[in-house]
Amino acid sequence: YINIAVYDGVPVTLNQLYSEMKKSLNQRFYKGFEHIFYVSKHLVVKHLDPLLTPEDQQLWITSLENHDISSIKNFLYTLSAQGSYYEEDLIRIYLTSVLAQIRRFMKKYDFQQKPDLEEKYLKLFRIILEHPILYTIIQEMILFTQSLMKLAKNEKEKANYGKLTADLINDQYTNTAFSLSSAADTLGITPNYLSAVFSKYHEIPFKRYLQQYRLEQSKNTLIHTELTISEVAHANGFEDPNYYSKTFKEYAGLPPNRYRKRQRWKVEGGMEL
C-alpha cells in the first residue's frame, strides 16, 4: 500500500517542497492507496456541518427500524462521492454523530449487553477516528449496521412468535391436546425453536405458561359455574381431574372446592367458617 507525491510547481526550498508533498499525500483519505498525487492538483475541500440535521437523524432511525440498508448506503456514499471532498476532521466527527444514532438503536434491543457486539462497536469507533481511508471507514460502518439489522430482525421475529403463541394459547387452552408441538406446527417452526423463543420473550417456559393460563381461567369457571371439579378441569384443558386439583392447590394455595366456596362468600359479603 503506497502513494507517491510529485512536486510539479515552481522552484522552492527543500523544506517547502517536503511540506507541499506531505500535504498532497493527505488525499489518500479520499482516494485510497496506489495513486500518484501531483502537488499542482489540489482538492477543493468543502465545509461540512459535523452534526446531523433532524432530517438526517430521522432517516437513520427509520432506515434502521425498517432494515433499509439501501438508504443508509446512499447516505454514507455521498461522503465519498467522486469530486466531493469534505474536511477530514469534520467527516470523522460527522461519522461519530452517525454512530450515536446506531448506538441508540443498539440500546433499544440491549445489544450493548452482548460482549462480542460491544467490542465490534468500540472497534468501529476507533476506525472512524483513526483509519486513514474514508472508503474503508464507510464500508466498516455499513457491515456493522447490516449485522445489527439482522440481529434486530431476529429479535422482532422472536417477539412476533412469542405473541402469536400467546394468542394461540388464548384460543386453544381448552383443548387438552394442545401442546408446544401443535403450536409449533401451526406456526410452521420447530418445537425446539419455539420453546427457546417463547421462553426468552415471556421469561417463562411454554409448558408452565400454558398451565398457569389454564389455572387462571379455571378460577372463573369455578366461581361462575356449577360444574363439577372434573368438568372444570376438562373445560380448561386438563385431561386428569386429580392432576388439576393438585396443581390448582399448589398454584392458588387452596383446593378447587375450597377456593370456590371462599370466593363466593367474598362476593356475597359473608365470612368463611
C-alpha atoms as a PDB file:
ATOM      1  CA  TYR A   1       0.000   0.000   0.000  1.00  0.00           C
ATOM      2  CA  ILE A   2       1.753   3.082  -1.250  1.00  0.00           C
ATOM      3  CA  ASN A   3       1.077   6.523  -2.663  1.00  0.00           C
ATOM      4  CA  ILE A   4       3.513   8.790  -4.477  1.00  0.00           C
ATOM      5  CA  ALA A   5       3.585  12.572  -4.259  1.00  0.00           C
ATOM      6  CA  VAL A   6       5.155  14.502  -7.148  1.00  0.00           C
ATOM      7  CA  TYR A   7       6.143  18.133  -6.857  1.00  0.00           C
ATOM      8  CA  ASP A   8       5.418  19.886 -10.163  1.00  0.00           C
ATOM      9  CA  GLY A   9       5.345  23.526  -9.023  1.00  0.00           C
ATOM     10  CA  VAL A  10       7.758  26.421  -9.129  1.00  0.00           C
ATOM     11  CA  PRO A  11      11.200  26.059  -7.520  1.00  0.00           C
ATOM     12  CA  VAL A  12      11.022  26.261  -3.716  1.00  0.00           C
ATOM     13  CA  THR A  13      13.206  25.363  -0.771  1.00  0.00           C
ATOM     14  CA  LEU A  14      13.606  21.730   0.182  1.00  0.00           C
ATOM     15  CA  ASN A  15      11.551  22.281   3.324  1.00  0.00           C
ATOM     16  CA  GLN A  16       8.679  23.860   1.358  1.00  0.00           C
ATOM     17  CA  LEU A  17       8.843  21.082  -1.208  1.00  0.00           C
ATOM     18  CA  TYR A  18       8.587  18.464   1.532  1.00  0.00           C
ATOM     19  CA  SER A  19       5.643  20.249   3.185  1.00  0.00           C
ATOM     20  CA  GLU A  20       3.726  20.560  -0.088  1.00  0.00           C
ATOM     21  CA  MET A  21       4.207  16.893  -0.978  1.00  0.00           C
ATOM     22  CA  LYS A  22       3.250  15.739   2.526  1.00  0.00           C
ATOM     23  CA  LYS A  23       0.103  17.833   2.291  1.00  0.00           C
ATOM     24  CA  SER A  24      -0.617  16.324  -1.120  1.00  0.00           C
ATOM     25  CA  LEU A  25      -0.404  12.811   0.343  1.00  0.00           C
ATOM     26  CA  ASN A  26      -3.361  13.625   2.577  1.00  0.00           C
ATOM     27  CA  GLN A  27      -5.510  12.974  -0.487  1.00  0.00           C
ATOM     28  CA  ARG A  28      -5.227   9.278   0.324  1.00  0.00           C
ATOM     29  CA  PHE A  29      -8.059   9.782   2.858  1.00  0.00           C
ATOM     30  CA  TYR A  30     -10.427  10.415  -0.065  1.00  0.00           C
ATOM     31  CA  LYS A  31      -8.843   8.346  -2.839  1.00  0.00           C
ATOM     32  CA  GLY A  32      -7.147   5.432  -1.110  1.00  0.00           C
ATOM     33  CA  PHE A  33      -3.800   3.855  -1.888  1.00  0.00           C
ATOM     34  CA  GLU A  34      -1.917   3.221  -5.144  1.00  0.00           C
ATOM     35  CA  HIS A  35      -2.201   6.752  -6.513  1.00  0.00           C
ATOM     36  CA  ILE A  36       0.190   9.391  -7.762  1.00  0.00           C
ATOM     37  CA  PHE A  37      -0.673  12.801  -6.356  1.00  0.00           C
ATOM     38  CA  TYR A  38       0.614  15.944  -8.097  1.00  0.00           C
ATOM     39  CA  VAL A  39       1.054  18.966  -5.878  1.00  0.00           C
ATOM     40  CA  SER A  40      -0.410  21.253  -8.552  1.00  0.00           C
ATOM     41  CA  LYS A  41      -3.731  19.377  -8.477  1.00  0.00           C
ATOM     42  CA  HIS A  42      -5.199  20.486  -5.165  1.00  0.00           C
ATOM     43  CA  LEU A  43      -8.506  19.140  -3.935  1.00  0.00           C
ATOM     44  CA  VAL A  44     -11.273  21.646  -3.357  1.00  0.00           C
ATOM     45  CA  VAL A  45     -12.326  20.809   0.195  1.00  0.00           C
ATOM     46  CA  LYS A  46     -15.816  21.780   1.321  1.00  0.00           C
ATOM     47  CA  HIS A  47     -17.042  22.596   4.795  1.00  0.00           C
ATOM     48  CA  LEU A  48     -19.299  20.046   6.494  1.00  0.00           C
ATOM     49  CA  ASP A  49     -21.538  20.605   9.486  1.00  0.00           C
ATOM     50  CA  PRO A  50     -20.379  17.794  11.810  1.00  0.00           C
ATOM     51  CA  LEU A  51     -23.796  17.454  13.464  1.00  0.00           C
ATOM     52  CA  LEU A  52     -26.678  15.557  11.911  1.00  0.00           C
ATOM     53  CA  THR A  53     -29.766  17.546  10.988  1.00  0.00           C
ATOM     54  CA  PRO A  54     -33.144  16.433  12.433  1.00  0.00           C
ATOM     55  CA  GLU A  55     -33.956  15.081   8.957  1.00  0.00           C
ATOM     56  CA  ASP A  56     -30.743  13.055   8.886  1.00  0.00           C
ATOM     57  CA  GLN A  57     -31.458  11.671  12.343  1.00  0.00           C
ATOM     58  CA  GLN A  58     -34.958  10.640  11.277  1.00  0.00           C
ATOM     59  CA  LEU A  59     -33.564   8.986   8.156  1.00  0.00           C
ATOM     60  CA  TRP A  60     -31.283   6.842  10.278  1.00  0.00           C
ATOM     61  CA  ILE A  61     -33.993   6.000  12.812  1.00  0.00           C
ATOM     62  CA  THR A  62     -36.429   4.984  10.069  1.00  0.00           C
ATOM     63  CA  SER A  63     -33.845   3.117   7.986  1.00  0.00           C
ATOM     64  CA  LEU A  64     -32.566   1.104  10.944  1.00  0.00           C
ATOM     65  CA  GLU A  65     -36.066   0.122  12.049  1.00  0.00           C
ATOM     66  CA  ASN A  66     -37.135  -0.817   8.523  1.00  0.00           C
ATOM     67  CA  HIS A  67     -33.853  -2.607   7.737  1.00  0.00           C
ATOM     68  CA  ASP A  68     -33.405  -0.242   4.798  1.00  0.00           C
ATOM     69  CA  ILE A  69     -29.710  -0.696   4.057  1.00  0.00           C
ATOM     70  CA  SER A  70     -30.027   0.973   0.631  1.00  0.00           C
ATOM     71  CA  SER A  71     -30.907   4.358   2.165  1.00  0.00           C
ATOM     72  CA  ILE A  72     -28.040   4.027   4.620  1.00  0.00           C
ATOM     73  CA  LYS A  73     -25.584   3.190   1.843  1.00  0.00           C
ATOM     74  CA  ASN A  74     -26.741   6.165  -0.214  1.00  0.00           C
ATOM     75  CA  PHE A  75     -26.367   8.422   2.817  1.00  0.00           C
ATOM     76  CA  LEU A  76     -22.811   7.296   3.543  1.00  0.00           C
ATOM     77  CA  TYR A  77     -21.614   7.080  -0.039  1.00  0.00           C
ATOM     78  CA  THR A  78     -22.347  10.769  -0.601  1.00  0.00           C
ATOM     79  CA  LEU A  79     -19.409  11.474   1.714  1.00  0.00           C
ATOM     80  CA  SER A  80     -17.021   9.674  -0.600  1.00  0.00           C
ATOM     81  CA  ALA A  81     -18.593  10.576  -3.950  1.00  0.00           C
ATOM     82  CA  GLN A  82     -16.121  11.463  -6.685  1.00  0.00           C
ATOM     83  CA  GLY A  83     -15.445  15.187  -6.729  1.00  0.00           C
ATOM     84  CA  SER A  84     -16.950  15.840  -3.270  1.00  0.00           C
ATOM     85  CA  TYR A  85     -14.313  16.369  -0.618  1.00  0.00           C
ATOM     86  CA  TYR A  86     -15.019  17.495   2.899  1.00  0.00           C
ATOM     87  CA  GLU A  87     -12.595  18.391   5.663  1.00  0.00           C
ATOM     88  CA  GLU A  88     -11.193  15.165   7.069  1.00  0.00           C
ATOM     89  CA  ASP A  89     -11.593  16.070  10.744  1.00  0.00           C
ATOM     90  CA  LEU A  90     -15.169  17.197  10.210  1.00  0.00           C
ATOM     91  CA  ILE A  91     -16.032  13.965   8.381  1.00  0.00           C
ATOM     92  CA  ARG A  92     -14.721  11.950  11.298  1.00  0.00           C
ATOM     93  CA  ILE A  93     -16.809  13.983  13.759  1.00  0.00           C
ATOM     94  CA  TYR A  94     -19.811  13.677  11.443  1.00  0.00           C
ATOM     95  CA  LEU A  95     -19.479   9.896  11.365  1.00  0.00           C
ATOM     96  CA  THR A  96     -19.342   9.748  15.152  1.00  0.00           C
ATOM     97  CA  SER A  97     -22.690  11.596  15.093  1.00  0.00           C
ATOM     98  CA  VAL A  98     -23.977   8.837  12.840  1.00  0.00           C
ATOM     99  CA  LEU A  99     -22.543   6.270  15.239  1.00  0.00           C
ATOM    100  CA  ALA A 100     -24.573   7.876  18.032  1.00  0.00           C
ATOM    101  CA  GLN A 101     -27.761   7.005  16.115  1.00  0.00           C
ATOM    102  CA  ILE A 102     -26.520   3.445  15.696  1.00  0.00           C
ATOM    103  CA  ARG A 103     -25.832   3.323  19.429  1.00  0.00           C
ATOM    104  CA  ARG A 104     -29.410   4.325  20.242  1.00  0.00           C
ATOM    105  CA  PHE A 105     -30.610   1.513  18.009  1.00  0.00           C
ATOM    106  CA  MET A 106     -28.350  -0.935  19.842  1.00  0.00           C
ATOM    107  CA  LYS A 107     -29.703   0.146  23.215  1.00  0.00           C
ATOM    108  CA  LYS A 108     -33.273  -0.344  22.068  1.00  0.00           C
ATOM    109  CA  TYR A 109     -32.549  -4.062  21.670  1.00  0.00           C
ATOM    110  CA  ASP A 110     -29.994  -4.252  24.541  1.00  0.00           C
ATOM    111  CA  PHE A 111     -27.296  -5.183  22.051  1.00  0.00           C
ATOM    112  CA  GLN A 112     -24.734  -3.326  24.164  1.00  0.00           C
ATOM    113  CA  GLN A 113     -25.100  -6.195  26.638  1.00  0.00           C
ATOM    114  CA  LYS A 114     -23.562  -8.590  24.119  1.00  0.00           C
ATOM    115  CA  PRO A 115     -19.767  -8.520  24.747  1.00  0.00           C
ATOM    116  CA  ASP A 116     -18.771  -9.510  21.198  1.00  0.00           C
ATOM    117  CA  LEU A 117     -21.046  -6.876  19.677  1.00  0.00           C
ATOM    118  CA  GLU A 118     -19.884  -4.217  22.098  1.00  0.00           C
ATOM    119  CA  GLU A 119     -16.288  -4.999  21.157  1.00  0.00           C
ATOM    120  CA  LYS A 120     -17.112  -4.576  17.462  1.00  0.00           C
ATOM    121  CA  TYR A 121     -18.830  -1.270  18.215  1.00  0.00           C
ATOM    122  CA  LEU A 122     -15.761   0.069  20.032  1.00  0.00           C
ATOM    123  CA  LYS A 123     -13.549  -1.153  17.203  1.00  0.00           C
ATOM    124  CA  LEU A 124     -15.711   0.727  14.704  1.00  0.00           C
ATOM    125  CA  PHE A 125     -15.435   3.855  16.845  1.00  0.00           C
ATOM    126  CA  ARG A 126     -11.631   3.613  16.694  1.00  0.00           C
ATOM    127  CA  ILE A 127     -11.749   3.020  12.936  1.00  0.00           C
ATOM    128  CA  ILE A 128     -13.772   6.207  12.458  1.00  0.00           C
ATOM    129  CA  LEU A 129     -11.243   8.203  14.448  1.00  0.00           C
ATOM    130  CA  GLU A 130      -8.035   6.654  13.142  1.00  0.00           C
ATOM    131  CA  HIS A 131      -8.305   4.790   9.857  1.00  0.00           C
ATOM    132  CA  PRO A 132      -6.510   6.602   7.004  1.00  0.00           C
ATOM    133  CA  ILE A 133      -9.024   5.765   4.233  1.00  0.00           C
ATOM    134  CA  LEU A 134     -12.570   7.170   4.159  1.00  0.00           C
ATOM    135  CA  TYR A 135     -13.960   4.437   1.886  1.00  0.00           C
ATOM    136  CA  THR A 136     -12.817   1.725   4.312  1.00  0.00           C
ATOM    137  CA  ILE A 137     -14.433   3.557   7.235  1.00  0.00           C
ATOM    138  CA  ILE A 138     -17.716   3.728   5.343  1.00  0.00           C
ATOM    139  CA  GLN A 139     -17.574   0.057   4.386  1.00  0.00           C
ATOM    140  CA  GLU A 140     -16.943  -0.953   8.003  1.00  0.00           C
ATOM    141  CA  MET A 141     -19.910   1.150   9.111  1.00  0.00           C
ATOM    142  CA  ILE A 142     -22.156  -0.490   6.520  1.00  0.00           C
ATOM    143  CA  LEU A 143     -21.055  -4.000   7.507  1.00  0.00           C
ATOM    144  CA  PHE A 144     -21.626  -3.288  11.198  1.00  0.00           C
ATOM    145  CA  THR A 145     -25.035  -1.731  10.502  1.00  0.00           C
ATOM    146  CA  GLN A 146     -26.072  -4.736   8.410  1.00  0.00           C
ATOM    147  CA  SER A 147     -25.148  -7.104  11.240  1.00  0.00           C
ATOM    148  CA  LEU A 148     -27.235  -5.034  13.683  1.00  0.00           C
ATOM    149  CA  MET A 149     -30.201  -5.051  11.323  1.00  0.00           C
ATOM    150  CA  LYS A 150     -30.018  -8.829  11.007  1.00  0.00           C
ATOM    151  CA  LEU A 151     -29.936  -9.245  14.783  1.00  0.00           C
ATOM    152  CA  ALA A 152     -32.816  -6.799  15.245  1.00  0.00           C
ATOM    153  CA  LYS A 153     -34.854  -8.656  12.639  1.00  0.00           C
ATOM    154  CA  ASN A 154     -34.283 -11.897  14.528  1.00  0.00           C
ATOM    155  CA  GLU A 155     -35.365 -10.236  17.781  1.00  0.00           C
ATOM    156  CA  LYS A 156     -38.539  -8.927  16.155  1.00  0.00           C
ATOM    157  CA  GLU A 157     -39.245 -12.367  14.732  1.00  0.00           C
ATOM    158  CA  LYS A 158     -38.834 -13.914  18.160  1.00  0.00           C
ATOM    159  CA  ALA A 159     -41.134 -11.304  19.702  1.00  0.00           C
ATOM    160  CA  ASN A 160     -43.687 -11.960  16.954  1.00  0.00           C
ATOM    161  CA  TYR A 161     -43.613 -15.720  17.568  1.00  0.00           C
ATOM    162  CA  GLY A 162     -43.900 -15.100  21.299  1.00  0.00           C
ATOM    163  CA  LYS A 163     -47.027 -13.002  20.816  1.00  0.00           C
ATOM    164  CA  LEU A 164     -48.564 -15.351  18.234  1.00  0.00           C
ATOM    165  CA  THR A 165     -48.071 -18.311  20.548  1.00  0.00           C
ATOM    166  CA  ALA A 166     -49.725 -16.458  23.432  1.00  0.00           C
ATOM    167  CA  ASP A 167     -52.671 -15.775  21.113  1.00  0.00           C
ATOM    168  CA  LEU A 168     -52.823 -19.479  20.231  1.00  0.00           C
ATOM    169  CA  ILE A 169     -52.881 -20.381  23.919  1.00  0.00           C
ATOM    170  CA  ASN A 170     -55.775 -17.976  24.450  1.00  0.00           C
ATOM    171  CA  ASP A 171     -57.713 -19.713  21.652  1.00  0.00           C
ATOM    172  CA  GLN A 172     -56.704 -23.328  22.327  1.00  0.00           C
ATOM    173  CA  TYR A 173     -56.196 -23.679  26.089  1.00  0.00           C
ATOM    174  CA  THR A 174     -59.459 -25.627  26.490  1.00  0.00           C
ATOM    175  CA  ASN A 175     -58.163 -28.250  24.064  1.00  0.00           C
ATOM    176  CA  THR A 176     -56.477 -30.962  26.152  1.00  0.00           C
ATOM    177  CA  ALA A 177     -54.392 -31.991  23.127  1.00  0.00           C
ATOM    178  CA  PHE A 178     -52.913 -28.514  22.643  1.00  0.00           C
ATOM    179  CA  SER A 179     -49.156 -28.520  23.247  1.00  0.00           C
ATOM    180  CA  LEU A 180     -45.852 -26.983  22.259  1.00  0.00           C
ATOM    181  CA  SER A 181     -45.672 -29.305  19.238  1.00  0.00           C
ATOM    182  CA  SER A 182     -49.137 -28.389  17.973  1.00  0.00           C
ATOM    183  CA  ALA A 183     -48.396 -24.679  18.425  1.00  0.00           C
ATOM    184  CA  ALA A 184     -45.121 -25.094  16.517  1.00  0.00           C
ATOM    185  CA  ASP A 185     -46.931 -26.945  13.714  1.00  0.00           C
ATOM    186  CA  THR A 186     -49.468 -24.137  13.446  1.00  0.00           C
ATOM    187  CA  LEU A 187     -46.683 -21.518  13.182  1.00  0.00           C
ATOM    188  CA  GLY A 188     -44.580 -23.621  10.807  1.00  0.00           C
ATOM    189  CA  ILE A 189     -41.478 -23.772  13.023  1.00  0.00           C
ATOM    190  CA  THR A 190     -39.761 -26.465  15.076  1.00  0.00           C
ATOM    191  CA  PRO A 191     -40.811 -27.111  18.696  1.00  0.00           C
ATOM    192  CA  ASN A 192     -37.241 -26.557  19.920  1.00  0.00           C
ATOM    193  CA  TYR A 193     -37.036 -23.163  18.253  1.00  0.00           C
ATOM    194  CA  LEU A 194     -40.459 -22.132  19.531  1.00  0.00           C
ATOM    195  CA  SER A 195     -39.542 -23.261  23.045  1.00  0.00           C
ATOM    196  CA  ALA A 196     -36.385 -21.132  23.039  1.00  0.00           C
ATOM    197  CA  VAL A 197     -38.121 -18.103  21.505  1.00  0.00           C
ATOM    198  CA  PHE A 198     -41.142 -18.321  23.806  1.00  0.00           C
ATOM    199  CA  SER A 199     -39.047 -18.637  26.973  1.00  0.00           C
ATOM    200  CA  LYS A 200     -36.935 -15.657  26.037  1.00  0.00           C
ATOM    201  CA  TYR A 201     -39.916 -13.483  25.131  1.00  0.00           C
ATOM    202  CA  HIS A 202     -42.155 -14.362  28.115  1.00  0.00           C
ATOM    203  CA  GLU A 203     -39.368 -15.237  30.582  1.00  0.00           C
ATOM    204  CA  ILE A 204     -41.213 -18.455  31.429  1.00  0.00           C
ATOM    205  CA  PRO A 205     -41.242 -21.880  29.701  1.00  0.00           C
ATOM    206  CA  PHE A 206     -44.132 -22.661  27.374  1.00  0.00           C
ATOM    207  CA  LYS A 207     -45.431 -25.559  29.474  1.00  0.00           C
ATOM    208  CA  ARG A 208     -45.560 -23.528  32.679  1.00  0.00           C
ATOM    209  CA  TYR A 209     -47.155 -20.554  30.906  1.00  0.00           C
ATOM    210  CA  LEU A 210     -49.864 -22.805  29.431  1.00  0.00           C
ATOM    211  CA  GLN A 211     -50.529 -24.475  32.767  1.00  0.00           C
ATOM    212  CA  GLN A 212     -50.786 -21.162  34.650  1.00  0.00           C
ATOM    213  CA  TYR A 213     -53.051 -19.748  31.958  1.00  0.00           C
ATOM    214  CA  ARG A 214     -55.380 -22.741  32.252  1.00  0.00           C
ATOM    215  CA  LEU A 215     -55.390 -22.470  36.048  1.00  0.00           C
ATOM    216  CA  GLU A 216     -56.242 -18.773  35.913  1.00  0.00           C
ATOM    217  CA  GLN A 217     -59.102 -19.435  33.510  1.00  0.00           C
ATOM    218  CA  SER A 218     -60.358 -22.254  35.704  1.00  0.00           C
ATOM    219  CA  LYS A 219     -60.770 -19.800  38.589  1.00  0.00           C
ATOM    220  CA  ASN A 220     -63.516 -18.030  36.637  1.00  0.00           C
ATOM    221  CA  THR A 221     -65.128 -21.355  35.811  1.00  0.00           C
ATOM    222  CA  LEU A 222     -65.146 -22.348  39.472  1.00  0.00           C
ATOM    223  CA  ILE A 223     -66.691 -19.074  40.612  1.00  0.00           C
ATOM    224  CA  HIS A 224     -69.257 -18.518  37.882  1.00  0.00           C
ATOM    225  CA  THR A 225     -70.496 -22.060  37.062  1.00  0.00           C
ATOM    226  CA  GLU A 226     -71.871 -25.072  38.882  1.00  0.00           C
ATOM    227  CA  LEU A 227     -69.655 -27.525  37.004  1.00  0.00           C
ATOM    228  CA  THR A 228     -68.093 -30.328  38.974  1.00  0.00           C
ATOM    229  CA  ILE A 229     -64.337 -30.194  39.598  1.00  0.00           C
ATOM    230  CA  SER A 230     -63.872 -32.867  36.945  1.00  0.00           C
ATOM    231  CA  GLU A 231     -65.895 -30.820  34.468  1.00  0.00           C
ATOM    232  CA  VAL A 232     -63.983 -27.652  35.352  1.00  0.00           C
ATOM    233  CA  ALA A 233     -60.725 -29.473  34.713  1.00  0.00           C
ATOM    234  CA  HIS A 234     -61.810 -30.691  31.270  1.00  0.00           C
ATOM    235  CA  ALA A 235     -63.308 -27.310  30.367  1.00  0.00           C
ATOM    236  CA  ASN A 236     -59.912 -25.711  30.914  1.00  0.00           C
ATOM    237  CA  GLY A 237     -57.683 -28.196  29.130  1.00  0.00           C
ATOM    238  CA  PHE A 238     -56.798 -30.600  31.968  1.00  0.00           C
ATOM    239  CA  GLU A 239     -57.214 -34.231  30.994  1.00  0.00           C
ATOM    240  CA  ASP A 240     -56.762 -35.606  34.525  1.00  0.00           C
ATOM    241  CA  PRO A 241     -59.038 -34.054  37.215  1.00  0.00           C
ATOM    242  CA  ASN A 242     -56.773 -35.301  40.011  1.00  0.00           C
ATOM    243  CA  TYR A 243     -53.761 -33.650  38.430  1.00  0.00           C
ATOM    244  CA  TYR A 244     -55.797 -30.478  38.021  1.00  0.00           C
ATOM    245  CA  SER A 245     -56.777 -30.442  41.700  1.00  0.00           C
ATOM    246  CA  LYS A 246     -53.183 -30.993  42.764  1.00  0.00           C
ATOM    247  CA  THR A 247     -51.708 -28.270  40.550  1.00  0.00           C
ATOM    248  CA  PHE A 248     -54.531 -25.857  41.405  1.00  0.00           C
ATOM    249  CA  LYS A 249     -53.828 -26.219  45.130  1.00  0.00           C
ATOM    250  CA  GLU A 250     -50.105 -25.599  44.527  1.00  0.00           C
ATOM    251  CA  TYR A 251     -50.935 -22.559  42.410  1.00  0.00           C
ATOM    252  CA  ALA A 252     -53.782 -20.957  44.401  1.00  0.00           C
ATOM    253  CA  GLY A 253     -52.996 -22.271  47.880  1.00  0.00           C
ATOM    254  CA  LEU A 254     -56.409 -23.939  48.187  1.00  0.00           C
ATOM    255  CA  PRO A 255     -58.113 -26.981  46.629  1.00  0.00           C
ATOM    256  CA  PRO A 256     -60.615 -26.070  43.868  1.00  0.00           C
ATOM    257  CA  ASN A 257     -63.731 -26.711  46.010  1.00  0.00           C
ATOM    258  CA  ARG A 258     -62.392 -24.633  48.883  1.00  0.00           C
ATOM    259  CA  TYR A 259     -61.382 -21.845  46.521  1.00  0.00           C
ATOM    260  CA  ARG A 260     -64.882 -21.785  45.011  1.00  0.00           C
ATOM    261  CA  LYS A 261     -66.552 -21.514  48.409  1.00  0.00           C
ATOM    262  CA  ARG A 262     -64.209 -18.783  49.628  1.00  0.00           C
ATOM    263  CA  GLN A 263     -64.611 -16.642  46.531  1.00  0.00           C
ATOM    264  CA  ARG A 264     -68.393 -16.949  46.591  1.00  0.00           C
ATOM    265  CA  TRP A 265     -68.516 -15.988  50.260  1.00  0.00           C
ATOM    266  CA  LYS A 266     -66.461 -12.908  49.446  1.00  0.00           C
ATOM    267  CA  VAL A 267     -68.822 -11.963  46.630  1.00  0.00           C
ATOM    268  CA  GLU A 268     -71.810 -12.401  48.928  1.00  0.00           C
ATOM    269  CA  GLY A 269     -70.119 -10.396  51.663  1.00  0.00           C
ATOM    270  CA  GLY A 270     -70.024 -13.317  54.061  1.00  0.00           C
ATOM    271  CA  MET A 271     -67.283 -14.927  56.074  1.00  0.00           C
ATOM    272  CA  GLU A 272     -65.750 -18.323  55.607  1.00  0.00           C
ATOM    273  CA  LEU A 273     -66.406 -20.651  58.518  1.00  0.00           C
END
